[in-house]
């Protein structure tokens, strides 16, 4: 697993991380991992499909009648 070293963190920030870790009952390192995870991959993140669906609802939505073509296809010939 990759490792990251962060230098020159202000003393107040370091103390705050240690205090927050203590409140959560984890190490400062575990707390930093959690903070980074939440910052770059938030739980409330909206994915593209959900975003498009929500936007289309404002215009009455879109109903697609998509049917798969059952016709068999030939295998590709690479010669």
PDB file of N, CA and C in Angstrom:
ATOM      1  N   UNK A   1       0.842  -1.167   0.000  1.00  0.00           N
ATOM      2  CA  UNK A   1       0.000   0.000   0.000  1.00  0.00           C
ATOM      3  C   UNK A   1       0.892   1.235   0.000  1.00  0.00           C
ATOM      4  N   UNK A   2       0.514   2.245  -0.771  1.00  0.00           N
ATOM      5  CA  UNK A   2       1.322   3.463  -0.830  1.00  0.00           C
ATOM      6  C   UNK A   2       1.392   4.180   0.507  1.00  0.00           C
ATOM      7  N   UNK A   3       2.478   4.881   0.713  1.00  0.00           N
ATOM      8  CA  UNK A   3       2.655   5.679   1.929  1.00  0.00           C
ATOM      9  C   UNK A   3       2.926   7.124   1.520  1.00  0.00           C
ATOM     10  N   UNK A   4       2.466   8.045   2.356  1.00  0.00           N
ATOM     11  CA  UNK A   4       2.648   9.470   2.091  1.00  0.00           C
ATOM     12  C   UNK A   4       3.234  10.109   3.336  1.00  0.00           C
ATOM     13  N   UNK A   5       4.210  10.975   3.158  1.00  0.00           N
ATOM     14  CA  UNK A   5       4.777  11.735   4.263  1.00  0.00           C
ATOM     15  C   UNK A   5       4.385  13.191   4.070  1.00  0.00           C
ATOM     16  N   UNK A   6       3.818  13.772   5.094  1.00  0.00           N
ATOM     17  CA  UNK A   6       3.414  15.178   5.029  1.00  0.00           C
ATOM     18  C   UNK A   6       4.284  15.957   5.999  1.00  0.00           C
ATOM     19  N   UNK A   7       5.006  16.912   5.480  1.00  0.00           N
ATOM     20  CA  UNK A   7       5.907  17.701   6.316  1.00  0.00           C
ATOM     21  C   UNK A   7       5.320  19.086   6.574  1.00  0.00           C
ATOM     22  N   UNK A   8       5.857  19.710   7.597  1.00  0.00           N
ATOM     23  CA  UNK A   8       5.539  21.108   7.929  1.00  0.00           C
ATOM     24  C   UNK A   8       4.065  21.348   8.245  1.00  0.00           C
ATOM     25  N   UNK A   9       3.458  20.410   8.955  1.00  0.00           N
ATOM     26  CA  UNK A   9       2.089  20.603   9.427  1.00  0.00           C
ATOM     27  C   UNK A   9       2.156  21.556  10.614  1.00  0.00           C
ATOM     28  N   UNK A  10       1.315  22.573  10.637  1.00  0.00           N
ATOM     29  CA  UNK A  10       1.335  23.487  11.789  1.00  0.00           C
ATOM     30  C   UNK A  10       1.053  22.727  13.094  1.00  0.00           C
ATOM     31  N   UNK A  11       1.690  23.162  14.151  1.00  0.00           N
ATOM     32  CA  UNK A  11       1.544  22.504  15.456  1.00  0.00           C
ATOM     33  C   UNK A  11       0.083  22.444  15.888  1.00  0.00           C
ATOM     34  N   UNK A  12      -0.669  23.504  15.624  1.00  0.00           N
ATOM     35  CA  UNK A  12      -2.092  23.515  16.015  1.00  0.00           C
ATOM     36  C   UNK A  12      -2.869  22.427  15.273  1.00  0.00           C
ATOM     37  N   UNK A  13      -2.542  22.232  13.997  1.00  0.00           N
ATOM     38  CA  UNK A  13      -3.209  21.197  13.201  1.00  0.00           C
ATOM     39  C   UNK A  13      -2.864  19.815  13.739  1.00  0.00           C
ATOM     40  N   UNK A  14      -1.611  19.617  14.069  1.00  0.00           N
ATOM     41  CA  UNK A  14      -1.175  18.328  14.608  1.00  0.00           C
ATOM     42  C   UNK A  14      -1.882  18.023  15.925  1.00  0.00           C
ATOM     43  N   UNK A  15      -1.978  19.023  16.788  1.00  0.00           N
ATOM     44  CA  UNK A  15      -2.686  18.837  18.066  1.00  0.00           C
ATOM     45  C   UNK A  15      -4.157  18.526  17.825  1.00  0.00           C
ATOM     46  N   UNK A  16      -4.764  19.223  16.869  1.00  0.00           N
ATOM     47  CA  UNK A  16      -6.182  18.995  16.574  1.00  0.00           C
ATOM     48  C   UNK A  16      -6.411  17.585  16.037  1.00  0.00           C
ATOM     49  N   UNK A  17      -5.521  17.099  15.210  1.00  0.00           N
ATOM     50  CA  UNK A  17      -5.643  15.728  14.684  1.00  0.00           C
ATOM     51  C   UNK A  17      -5.522  14.722  15.815  1.00  0.00           C
ATOM     52  N   UNK A  18      -4.539  14.938  16.703  1.00  0.00           N
ATOM     53  CA  UNK A  18      -4.358  14.024  17.834  1.00  0.00           C
ATOM     54  C   UNK A  18      -5.589  14.029  18.744  1.00  0.00           C
ATOM     55  N   UNK A  19      -6.160  15.213  18.977  1.00  0.00           N
ATOM     56  CA  UNK A  19      -7.349  15.309  19.819  1.00  0.00           C
ATOM     57  C   UNK A  19      -8.539  14.618  19.159  1.00  0.00           C
ATOM     58  N   UNK A  20      -8.689  14.850  17.886  1.00  0.00           N
ATOM     59  CA  UNK A  20      -9.794  14.209  17.149  1.00  0.00           C
ATOM     60  C   UNK A  20      -9.642  12.688  17.157  1.00  0.00           C
ATOM     61  N   UNK A  21      -8.421  12.217  16.980  1.00  0.00           N
ATOM     62  CA  UNK A  21      -8.162  10.774  17.014  1.00  0.00           C
ATOM     63  C   UNK A  21      -8.505  10.206  18.383  1.00  0.00           C
ATOM     64  N   UNK A  22      -8.149  10.937  19.428  1.00  0.00           N
ATOM     65  CA  UNK A  22      -8.445  10.490  20.790  1.00  0.00           C
ATOM     66  C   UNK A  22      -9.951  10.393  20.992  1.00  0.00           C
ATOM     67  N   UNK A  23     -10.703  11.366  20.485  1.00  0.00           N
ATOM     68  CA  UNK A  23     -12.163  11.347  20.616  1.00  0.00           C
ATOM     69  C   UNK A  23     -12.778  10.144  19.896  1.00  0.00           C
ATOM     70  N   UNK A  24     -12.161   9.738  18.782  1.00  0.00           N
ATOM     71  CA  UNK A  24     -12.667   8.593  18.015  1.00  0.00           C
ATOM     72  C   UNK A  24     -12.042   7.269  18.455  1.00  0.00           C
ATOM     73  N   UNK A  25     -11.108   7.334  19.385  1.00  0.00           N
ATOM     74  CA  UNK A  25     -10.484   6.117  19.898  1.00  0.00           C
ATOM     75  C   UNK A  25      -9.580   5.417  18.905  1.00  0.00           C
ATOM     76  N   UNK A  26      -8.928   6.200  18.057  1.00  0.00           N
ATOM     77  CA  UNK A  26      -8.012   5.631  17.061  1.00  0.00           C
ATOM     78  C   UNK A  26      -6.685   6.374  17.121  1.00  0.00           C
ATOM     79  N   UNK A  27      -5.720   5.860  16.383  1.00  0.00           N
ATOM     80  CA  UNK A  27      -4.423   6.531  16.324  1.00  0.00           C
ATOM     81  C   UNK A  27      -4.521   7.769  15.433  1.00  0.00           C
ATOM     82  N   UNK A  28      -3.543   8.651  15.566  1.00  0.00           N
ATOM     83  CA  UNK A  28      -3.502   9.845  14.722  1.00  0.00           C
ATOM     84  C   UNK A  28      -3.375   9.440  13.254  1.00  0.00           C
ATOM     85  N   UNK A  29      -2.617   8.404  12.996  1.00  0.00           N
ATOM     86  CA  UNK A  29      -2.454   7.921  11.619  1.00  0.00           C
ATOM     87  C   UNK A  29      -3.783   7.434  11.045  1.00  0.00           C
ATOM     88  N   UNK A  30      -4.540   6.680  11.830  1.00  0.00           N
ATOM     89  CA  UNK A  30      -5.848   6.199  11.377  1.00  0.00           C
ATOM     90  C   UNK A  30      -6.804   7.373  11.155  1.00  0.00           C
ATOM     91  N   UNK A  31      -6.719   8.364  12.018  1.00  0.00           N
ATOM     92  CA  UNK A  31      -7.581   9.543  11.875  1.00  0.00           C
ATOM     93  C   UNK A  31      -7.243  10.302  10.600  1.00  0.00           C
ATOM     94  N   UNK A  32      -5.975  10.447  10.304  1.00  0.00           N
ATOM     95  CA  UNK A  32      -5.552  11.131   9.079  1.00  0.00           C
ATOM     96  C   UNK A  32      -6.045  10.363   7.858  1.00  0.00           C
ATOM     97  N   UNK A  33      -5.940   9.028   7.885  1.00  0.00           N
ATOM     98  CA  UNK A  33      -6.452   8.230   6.765  1.00  0.00           C
ATOM     99  C   UNK A  33      -7.940   8.478   6.567  1.00  0.00           C
ATOM    100  N   UNK A  34      -8.697   8.526   7.659  1.00  0.00           N
ATOM    101  CA  UNK A  34     -10.132   8.762   7.576  1.00  0.00           C
ATOM    102  C   UNK A  34     -10.439  10.152   7.017  1.00  0.00           C
ATOM    103  N   UNK A  35      -9.707  11.144   7.482  1.00  0.00           N
ATOM    104  CA  UNK A  35      -9.898  12.515   6.995  1.00  0.00           C
ATOM    105  C   UNK A  35      -9.638  12.581   5.489  1.00  0.00           C
ATOM    106  N   UNK A  36      -8.555  11.978   5.045  1.00  0.00           N
ATOM    107  CA  UNK A  36      -8.229  11.986   3.616  1.00  0.00           C
ATOM    108  C   UNK A  36      -9.286  11.253   2.802  1.00  0.00           C
ATOM    109  N   UNK A  37      -9.722  10.105   3.296  1.00  0.00           N
ATOM    110  CA  UNK A  37     -10.746   9.327   2.591  1.00  0.00           C
ATOM    111  C   UNK A  37     -12.027  10.135   2.432  1.00  0.00           C
ATOM    112  N   UNK A  38     -12.461  10.781   3.499  1.00  0.00           N
ATOM    113  CA  UNK A  38     -13.687  11.585   3.440  1.00  0.00           C
ATOM    114  C   UNK A  38     -13.525  12.793   2.518  1.00  0.00           C
ATOM    115  N   UNK A  39     -12.313  13.326   2.452  1.00  0.00           N
ATOM    116  CA  UNK A  39     -12.081  14.514   1.628  1.00  0.00           C
ATOM    117  C   UNK A  39     -12.124  14.192   0.140  1.00  0.00           C
ATOM    118  N   UNK A  40     -11.569  13.062  -0.251  1.00  0.00           N
ATOM    119  CA  UNK A  40     -11.482  12.763  -1.681  1.00  0.00           C
ATOM    120  C   UNK A  40     -12.580  11.829  -2.173  1.00  0.00           C
ATOM    121  N   UNK A  41     -13.248  11.124  -1.256  1.00  0.00           N
ATOM    122  CA  UNK A  41     -14.328  10.219  -1.646  1.00  0.00           C
ATOM    123  C   UNK A  41     -15.504  10.370  -0.684  1.00  0.00           C
ATOM    124  N   UNK A  42     -16.157  11.525  -0.708  1.00  0.00           N
ATOM    125  CA  UNK A  42     -17.243  11.751   0.245  1.00  0.00           C
ATOM    126  C   UNK A  42     -18.411  10.799   0.017  1.00  0.00           C
ATOM    127  N   UNK A  43     -19.073  10.412   1.099  1.00  0.00           N
ATOM    128  CA  UNK A  43     -20.199   9.480   1.020  1.00  0.00           C
ATOM    129  C   UNK A  43     -21.365  10.080   0.248  1.00  0.00           C
ATOM    130  N   UNK A  44     -21.546  11.390   0.342  1.00  0.00           N
ATOM    131  CA  UNK A  44     -22.678  12.021  -0.320  1.00  0.00           C
ATOM    132  C   UNK A  44     -22.403  12.360  -1.782  1.00  0.00           C
ATOM    133  N   UNK A  45     -21.282  11.882  -2.283  1.00  0.00           N
ATOM    134  CA  UNK A  45     -20.910  12.131  -3.669  1.00  0.00           C
ATOM    135  C   UNK A  45     -21.998  11.602  -4.613  1.00  0.00           C
ATOM    136  N   UNK A  46     -22.400  12.399  -5.580  1.00  0.00           N
ATOM    137  CA  UNK A  46     -23.402  11.991  -6.549  1.00  0.00           C
ATOM    138  C   UNK A  46     -22.687  11.477  -7.789  1.00  0.00           C
ATOM    139  N   UNK A  47     -23.059  10.299  -8.204  1.00  0.00           N
ATOM    140  CA  UNK A  47     -22.431   9.708  -9.380  1.00  0.00           C
ATOM    141  C   UNK A  47     -23.113  10.222 -10.643  1.00  0.00           C
ATOM    142  N   UNK A  48     -22.451  10.095 -11.770  1.00  0.00           N
ATOM    143  CA  UNK A  48     -22.911  10.659 -13.022  1.00  0.00           C
ATOM    144  C   UNK A  48     -24.304  10.169 -13.408  1.00  0.00           C
ATOM    145  N   UNK A  49     -24.570   8.877 -13.311  1.00  0.00           N
ATOM    146  CA  UNK A  49     -25.875   8.340 -13.674  1.00  0.00           C
ATOM    147  C   UNK A  49     -26.987   8.941 -12.831  1.00  0.00           C
ATOM    148  N   UNK A  50     -26.753   9.065 -11.543  1.00  0.00           N
ATOM    149  CA  UNK A  50     -27.741   9.668 -10.646  1.00  0.00           C
ATOM    150  C   UNK A  50     -27.950  11.133 -11.007  1.00  0.00           C
ATOM    151  N   UNK A  51     -26.879  11.837 -11.282  1.00  0.00           N
ATOM    152  CA  UNK A  51     -26.971  13.247 -11.641  1.00  0.00           C
ATOM    153  C   UNK A  51     -27.797  13.420 -12.912  1.00  0.00           C
ATOM    154  N   UNK A  52     -27.528  12.604 -13.944  1.00  0.00           N
ATOM    155  CA  UNK A  52     -28.269  12.696 -15.192  1.00  0.00           C
ATOM    156  C   UNK A  52     -29.745  12.374 -14.982  1.00  0.00           C
ATOM    157  N   UNK A  53     -30.025  11.353 -14.184  1.00  0.00           N
ATOM    158  CA  UNK A  53     -31.407  10.983 -13.894  1.00  0.00           C
ATOM    159  C   UNK A  53     -32.148  12.138 -13.220  1.00  0.00           C
ATOM    160  N   UNK A  54     -31.523  12.731 -12.205  1.00  0.00           N
ATOM    161  CA  UNK A  54     -32.160  13.843 -11.504  1.00  0.00           C
ATOM    162  C   UNK A  54     -32.414  15.022 -12.436  1.00  0.00           C
ATOM    163  N   UNK A  55     -31.465  15.325 -13.318  1.00  0.00           N
ATOM    164  CA  UNK A  55     -31.635  16.449 -14.243  1.00  0.00           C
ATOM    165  C   UNK A  55     -32.762  16.164 -15.233  1.00  0.00           C
ATOM    166  N   UNK A  56     -32.884  14.937 -15.703  1.00  0.00           N
ATOM    167  CA  UNK A  56     -33.920  14.628 -16.697  1.00  0.00           C
ATOM    168  C   UNK A  56     -35.313  14.687 -16.085  1.00  0.00           C
ATOM    169  N   UNK A  57     -35.430  14.455 -14.771  1.00  0.00           N
ATOM    170  CA  UNK A  57     -36.733  14.518 -14.104  1.00  0.00           C
ATOM    171  C   UNK A  57     -37.320  15.917 -14.171  1.00  0.00           C
ATOM    172  N   UNK A  58     -36.473  16.918 -14.192  1.00  0.00           N
ATOM    173  CA  UNK A  58     -36.949  18.297 -14.267  1.00  0.00           C
ATOM    174  C   UNK A  58     -37.684  18.563 -15.586  1.00  0.00           C
ATOM    175  N   UNK A  59     -37.399  17.750 -16.600  1.00  0.00           N
ATOM    176  CA  UNK A  59     -38.027  17.908 -17.907  1.00  0.00           C
ATOM    177  C   UNK A  59     -39.050  16.808 -18.177  1.00  0.00           C
ATOM    178  N   UNK A  60     -39.489  16.137 -17.141  1.00  0.00           N
ATOM    179  CA  UNK A  60     -40.485  15.091 -17.308  1.00  0.00           C
ATOM    180  C   UNK A  60     -39.887  13.709 -17.463  1.00  0.00           C
ATOM    181  N   UNK A  61     -38.595  13.609 -17.409  1.00  0.00           N
ATOM    182  CA  UNK A  61     -37.950  12.303 -17.500  1.00  0.00           C
ATOM    183  C   UNK A  61     -37.859  11.806 -18.929  1.00  0.00           C
ATOM    184  N   UNK A  62     -37.231  10.673 -19.067  1.00  0.00           N
ATOM    185  CA  UNK A  62     -37.055  10.055 -20.369  1.00  0.00           C
ATOM    186  C   UNK A  62     -37.374   8.575 -20.227  1.00  0.00           C
ATOM    187  N   UNK A  63     -38.291   8.103 -21.040  1.00  0.00           N
ATOM    188  CA  UNK A  63     -38.615   6.682 -21.055  1.00  0.00           C
ATOM    189  C   UNK A  63     -38.060   6.104 -22.349  1.00  0.00           C
ATOM    190  N   UNK A  64     -37.178   5.182 -22.238  1.00  0.00           N
ATOM    191  CA  UNK A  64     -36.583   4.548 -23.406  1.00  0.00           C
ATOM    192  C   UNK A  64     -37.081   3.118 -23.519  1.00  0.00           C
ATOM    193  N   UNK A  65     -37.486   2.745 -24.711  1.00  0.00           N
ATOM    194  CA  UNK A  65     -37.894   1.377 -24.962  1.00  0.00           C
ATOM    195  C   UNK A  65     -36.714   0.693 -25.642  1.00  0.00           C
ATOM    196  N   UNK A  66     -35.833   0.155 -24.850  1.00  0.00           N
ATOM    197  CA  UNK A  66     -34.618  -0.457 -25.377  1.00  0.00           C
ATOM    198  C   UNK A  66     -34.810  -1.965 -25.395  1.00  0.00           C
ATOM    199  N   UNK A  67     -34.659  -2.526 -26.574  1.00  0.00           N
ATOM    200  CA  UNK A  67     -34.782  -3.973 -26.722  1.00  0.00           C
ATOM    201  C   UNK A  67     -33.505  -4.505 -27.336  1.00  0.00           C
ATOM    202  N   UNK A  68     -33.038  -5.577 -26.783  1.00  0.00           N
ATOM    203  CA  UNK A  68     -31.815  -6.193 -27.279  1.00  0.00           C
ATOM    204  C   UNK A  68     -32.116  -6.959 -28.562  1.00  0.00           C
ATOM    205  N   UNK A  69     -31.250  -6.816 -29.544  1.00  0.00           N
ATOM    206  CA  UNK A  69     -31.402  -7.537 -30.805  1.00  0.00           C
ATOM    207  C   UNK A  69     -30.960  -8.982 -30.579  1.00  0.00           C
ATOM    208  N   UNK A  70     -31.885  -9.947 -30.696  1.00  0.00           N
ATOM    209  CA  UNK A  70     -31.534 -11.343 -30.414  1.00  0.00           C
ATOM    210  C   UNK A  70     -30.819 -12.036 -31.574  1.00  0.00           C
ATOM    211  N   UNK A  71     -30.592 -11.331 -32.679  1.00  0.00           N
ATOM    212  CA  UNK A  71     -29.937 -11.938 -33.830  1.00  0.00           C
ATOM    213  C   UNK A  71     -28.505 -12.304 -33.475  1.00  0.00           C
ATOM    214  N   UNK A  72     -28.141 -13.603 -33.664  1.00  0.00           N
ATOM    215  CA  UNK A  72     -26.760 -13.997 -33.350  1.00  0.00           C
ATOM    216  C   UNK A  72     -25.775 -13.324 -34.313  1.00  0.00           C
ATOM    217  N   UNK A  73     -24.610 -13.064 -33.836  1.00  0.00           N
ATOM    218  CA  UNK A  73     -23.572 -12.464 -34.673  1.00  0.00           C
ATOM    219  C   UNK A  73     -22.503 -13.486 -34.970  1.00  0.00           C
ATOM    220  N   UNK A  74     -21.792 -13.280 -36.056  1.00  0.00           N
ATOM    221  CA  UNK A  74     -20.699 -14.162 -36.406  1.00  0.00           C
ATOM    222  C   UNK A  74     -19.457 -13.774 -35.613  1.00  0.00           C
ATOM    223  N   UNK A  75     -18.636 -14.751 -35.334  1.00  0.00           N
ATOM    224  CA  UNK A  75     -17.380 -14.487 -34.646  1.00  0.00           C
ATOM    225  C   UNK A  75     -16.480 -13.669 -35.557  1.00  0.00           C
ATOM    226  N   UNK A  76     -15.666 -12.793 -35.010  1.00  0.00           N
ATOM    227  CA  UNK A  76     -14.770 -11.982 -35.860  1.00  0.00           C
ATOM    228  C   UNK A  76     -13.722 -12.853 -36.539  1.00  0.00           C
ATOM    229  N   UNK A  77     -13.375 -12.468 -37.746  1.00  0.00           N
ATOM    230  CA  UNK A  77     -12.329 -13.171 -38.495  1.00  0.00           C
ATOM    231  C   UNK A  77     -11.112 -12.275 -38.536  1.00  0.00           C
ATOM    232  N   UNK A  78     -10.038 -12.700 -37.894  1.00  0.00           N
ATOM    233  CA  UNK A  78      -8.824 -11.881 -37.798  1.00  0.00           C
ATOM    234  C   UNK A  78      -7.790 -12.236 -38.862  1.00  0.00           C
ATOM    235  N   UNK A  79      -8.178 -13.002 -39.820  1.00  0.00           N
ATOM    236  CA  UNK A  79      -7.226 -13.377 -40.870  1.00  0.00           C
ATOM    237  C   UNK A  79      -7.276 -12.474 -42.039  1.00  0.00           C
TER     238      UNK A  79
END
